[in-house]
C-alpha cells in the first residue's frame, strides 16, 4: 500500500500504539498484536517513525533492549481497511491465477484469445505488483482457467 506514517505515540492506558497515517487519519494498534509484545514488566522505552522503513513503519525498543516494528500495512489490515482488503484479495486471486496458468494445458495465446485481450495484457494481469487490475478482470481470467471462485461473507 505504501502509506506513510506521520506520527506515532504510545497510549499505555489502552495498551496501544497511536499511529497517524498520511491521508487516512489516526489508528490504534494494540500492543498484543506487536512482536515482541510490550508488557508492564517490559514496557516500550522508545518509539519512532523509522526512516529505514521508508517512513512506512515504526520501530520500538523495549526496556529489555528487544526491538520490533509495526508497518502501516499491518495497521490497515488490523482495521480491515477496504482498499487494503481489496488489494489482499487481488493478490490472492493473482497468486492462484499464476499457479493455474503454469499448470494449464492452454498456452498464453489461447488464454489471451479467450479473454479477448493481448498476451501483454495477460502478463499484466498475472503481475502481482500490478495494482491497476480489477477484481472483475481477475475473475474472468480464473473462469477461463476453469477455476471456481467462492466469496464468503462472515
Protein backbone atom coordinates (compact mmCIF):
# COMPACT_ATOMS: atom_id res chain seq x y z
CA UNK A 1 0.00 0.00 0.00
CA UNK A 2 2.93 2.34 0.69
CA UNK A 3 1.15 4.56 3.22
CA UNK A 4 3.48 6.93 5.06
CA UNK A 5 3.28 7.28 8.81
CA UNK A 6 3.09 10.88 10.01
CA UNK A 7 3.47 10.28 13.74
CA UNK A 8 3.37 7.67 16.47
CA UNK A 9 2.57 7.93 20.16
CA UNK A 10 2.12 5.48 23.00
CA UNK A 11 -1.19 5.02 24.80
CA UNK A 12 -0.27 2.86 27.77
CA UNK A 13 -3.78 3.20 29.21
CA UNK A 14 -5.23 1.47 26.11
CA UNK A 15 -2.04 -0.61 25.67
CA UNK A 16 -1.74 0.54 22.06
CA UNK A 17 0.37 2.49 19.62
CA UNK A 18 -1.47 5.54 18.24
CA UNK A 19 -0.38 5.88 14.60
CA UNK A 20 -1.32 8.73 12.25
CA UNK A 21 -1.30 7.65 8.58
CA UNK A 22 -0.98 10.20 5.80
CA UNK A 23 -4.36 10.77 4.18
CA UNK A 24 -6.04 8.10 6.33
CA UNK A 25 -6.28 9.51 9.86
CA UNK A 26 -5.33 8.15 13.26
CA UNK A 27 -5.43 4.45 14.14
CA UNK A 28 -4.63 2.46 17.25
CA UNK A 29 -2.63 -0.75 17.06
CA UNK A 30 -2.76 -2.92 20.21
CA UNK A 31 0.45 -3.97 21.91
CA UNK A 32 -0.89 -7.54 21.85
CA UNK A 33 -0.56 -7.64 18.04
CA UNK A 34 3.06 -6.42 18.12
CA UNK A 35 6.05 -8.76 18.16
CA UNK A 36 7.69 -8.60 20.62
CA UNK A 37 4.72 -7.60 22.73
CA UNK A 38 5.25 -4.74 25.18
CA UNK A 39 4.19 -5.73 28.71
CA UNK A 40 4.03 -3.91 32.05
CA UNK A 41 7.20 -5.80 33.01
CA UNK A 42 8.94 -4.88 29.71
CA UNK A 43 7.39 -1.59 28.53
CA UNK A 44 8.25 0.46 25.46
CA UNK A 45 11.31 2.58 26.10
CA UNK A 46 11.45 4.32 22.71
CA UNK A 47 9.24 4.50 19.59
CA UNK A 48 9.79 6.40 16.35
CA UNK A 49 8.80 6.57 12.69
CA UNK A 50 11.62 4.59 11.11
CA UNK A 51 13.31 6.21 8.08
CA UNK A 52 14.92 2.84 7.27
CA UNK A 53 11.40 1.51 6.62
CA UNK A 54 10.76 4.36 4.19
CA UNK A 55 8.54 6.13 6.70
CA UNK A 56 6.02 3.30 6.28
CA UNK A 57 6.72 1.72 9.66
CA UNK A 58 7.51 2.46 13.27
CA UNK A 59 10.22 0.81 15.29
CA UNK A 60 10.01 0.44 19.05
CA UNK A 61 12.54 -0.65 21.64
CA UNK A 62 11.51 -2.29 24.89
CA UNK A 63 13.32 -1.66 28.19
CA UNK A 64 14.90 -5.12 27.85
CA UNK A 65 16.54 -3.98 24.60
CA UNK A 66 14.36 -6.11 22.30
CA UNK A 67 13.10 -4.31 19.18
CA UNK A 68 10.11 -4.66 16.93
CA UNK A 69 8.43 -2.87 14.05
CA UNK A 70 4.85 -2.18 13.01
CA UNK A 71 4.20 -1.38 9.35
CA UNK A 72 1.37 0.82 8.07
CA UNK A 73 0.06 -2.23 6.17
CA UNK A 74 -0.28 -4.12 9.48
CA UNK A 75 -2.31 -1.26 10.93
CA UNK A 76 -4.62 -1.05 7.90
CA UNK A 77 -5.06 -4.83 7.78
CA UNK A 78 -5.86 -4.94 11.52
CA UNK A 79 -8.57 -2.30 10.96
CA UNK A 80 -9.76 -4.12 7.81
CA UNK A 81 -9.39 -1.02 5.66
CA UNK A 82 -11.50 -1.62 2.49
CA UNK A 83 -8.77 -0.71 0.00
CA UNK A 84 -6.26 -2.87 1.86
CA UNK A 85 -8.67 -5.80 1.90
CA UNK A 86 -9.29 -5.33 -1.85
CA UNK A 87 -5.55 -5.39 -2.51
CA UNK A 88 -5.15 -8.56 -0.42
CA UNK A 89 -7.97 -10.25 -2.33
CA UNK A 90 -6.46 -9.20 -5.67
CA UNK A 91 -3.11 -10.59 -4.56
CA UNK A 92 -4.67 -13.93 -3.59
CA UNK A 93 -6.53 -14.12 -6.92
CA UNK A 94 -3.33 -13.28 -8.79
CA UNK A 95 -1.29 -15.94 -7.00
CA UNK A 96 -3.95 -18.53 -7.82
CA UNK A 97 -4.15 -17.40 -11.46
CA UNK A 98 -0.36 -17.66 -11.86
CA UNK A 99 -0.42 -21.16 -10.39
CA UNK A 100 -3.24 -22.22 -12.71
CA UNK A 101 -1.59 -20.72 -15.81
CA UNK A 102 1.58 -22.69 -15.04
CA UNK A 103 -0.45 -25.90 -14.69
CA UNK A 104 -2.81 -25.22 -17.61
CA UNK A 105 -2.55 -27.14 -20.87
CA UNK A 106 -3.63 -23.89 -22.59
CA UNK A 107 -0.92 -21.60 -23.90
CA UNK A 108 -0.68 -17.88 -23.23
CA UNK A 109 -2.03 -17.05 -26.69
CA UNK A 110 -5.09 -19.28 -26.23
CA UNK A 111 -5.82 -17.86 -22.77
CA UNK A 112 -5.42 -14.33 -24.20
CA UNK A 113 -7.74 -15.14 -27.08
CA UNK A 114 -10.41 -16.49 -24.74
CA UNK A 115 -10.12 -13.31 -22.66
CA UNK A 116 -10.28 -11.14 -25.80
CA UNK A 117 -7.04 -9.44 -24.87
CA UNK A 118 -3.36 -9.42 -25.81
CA UNK A 119 -0.64 -11.60 -24.26
CA UNK A 120 0.92 -8.38 -22.93
CA UNK A 121 -2.27 -7.52 -21.06
CA UNK A 122 -2.48 -11.08 -19.75
CA UNK A 123 1.05 -10.76 -18.34
CA UNK A 124 -0.05 -7.53 -16.62
CA UNK A 125 -2.95 -9.41 -15.01
CA UNK A 126 -0.51 -12.07 -13.80
CA UNK A 127 1.88 -9.50 -12.32
CA UNK A 128 1.41 -9.37 -8.51
CA UNK A 129 2.93 -5.86 -8.45
CA UNK A 130 0.25 -4.50 -10.80
CA UNK A 131 -2.39 -2.83 -8.61
CA UNK A 132 -4.28 -1.35 -11.57
CA UNK A 133 -6.23 -4.52 -12.35
CA UNK A 134 -9.79 -5.15 -11.25
CA UNK A 135 -11.37 -8.00 -9.36
CA UNK A 136 -13.78 -8.43 -12.30
CA UNK A 137 -10.95 -9.00 -14.76
CA UNK A 138 -9.22 -11.47 -12.43
CA UNK A 139 -12.48 -13.40 -12.06
CA UNK A 140 -12.78 -13.54 -15.86
CA UNK A 141 -9.24 -14.91 -16.09
CA UNK A 142 -9.88 -17.53 -13.43
CA UNK A 143 -13.06 -18.55 -15.26
CA UNK A 144 -11.03 -19.16 -18.44
CA UNK A 145 -8.68 -21.29 -16.31
CA UNK A 146 -11.64 -23.40 -15.09
CA UNK A 147 -11.42 -22.12 -11.53
CA UNK A 148 -14.45 -21.86 -9.32
CA UNK A 149 -14.20 -18.76 -7.14
CA UNK A 150 -16.27 -18.69 -3.97
CA UNK A 151 -16.82 -15.49 -1.99
CA UNK A 152 -17.83 -15.78 1.68
CA UNK A 153 -19.16 -13.07 3.90
CA UNK A 154 -18.62 -13.74 7.58
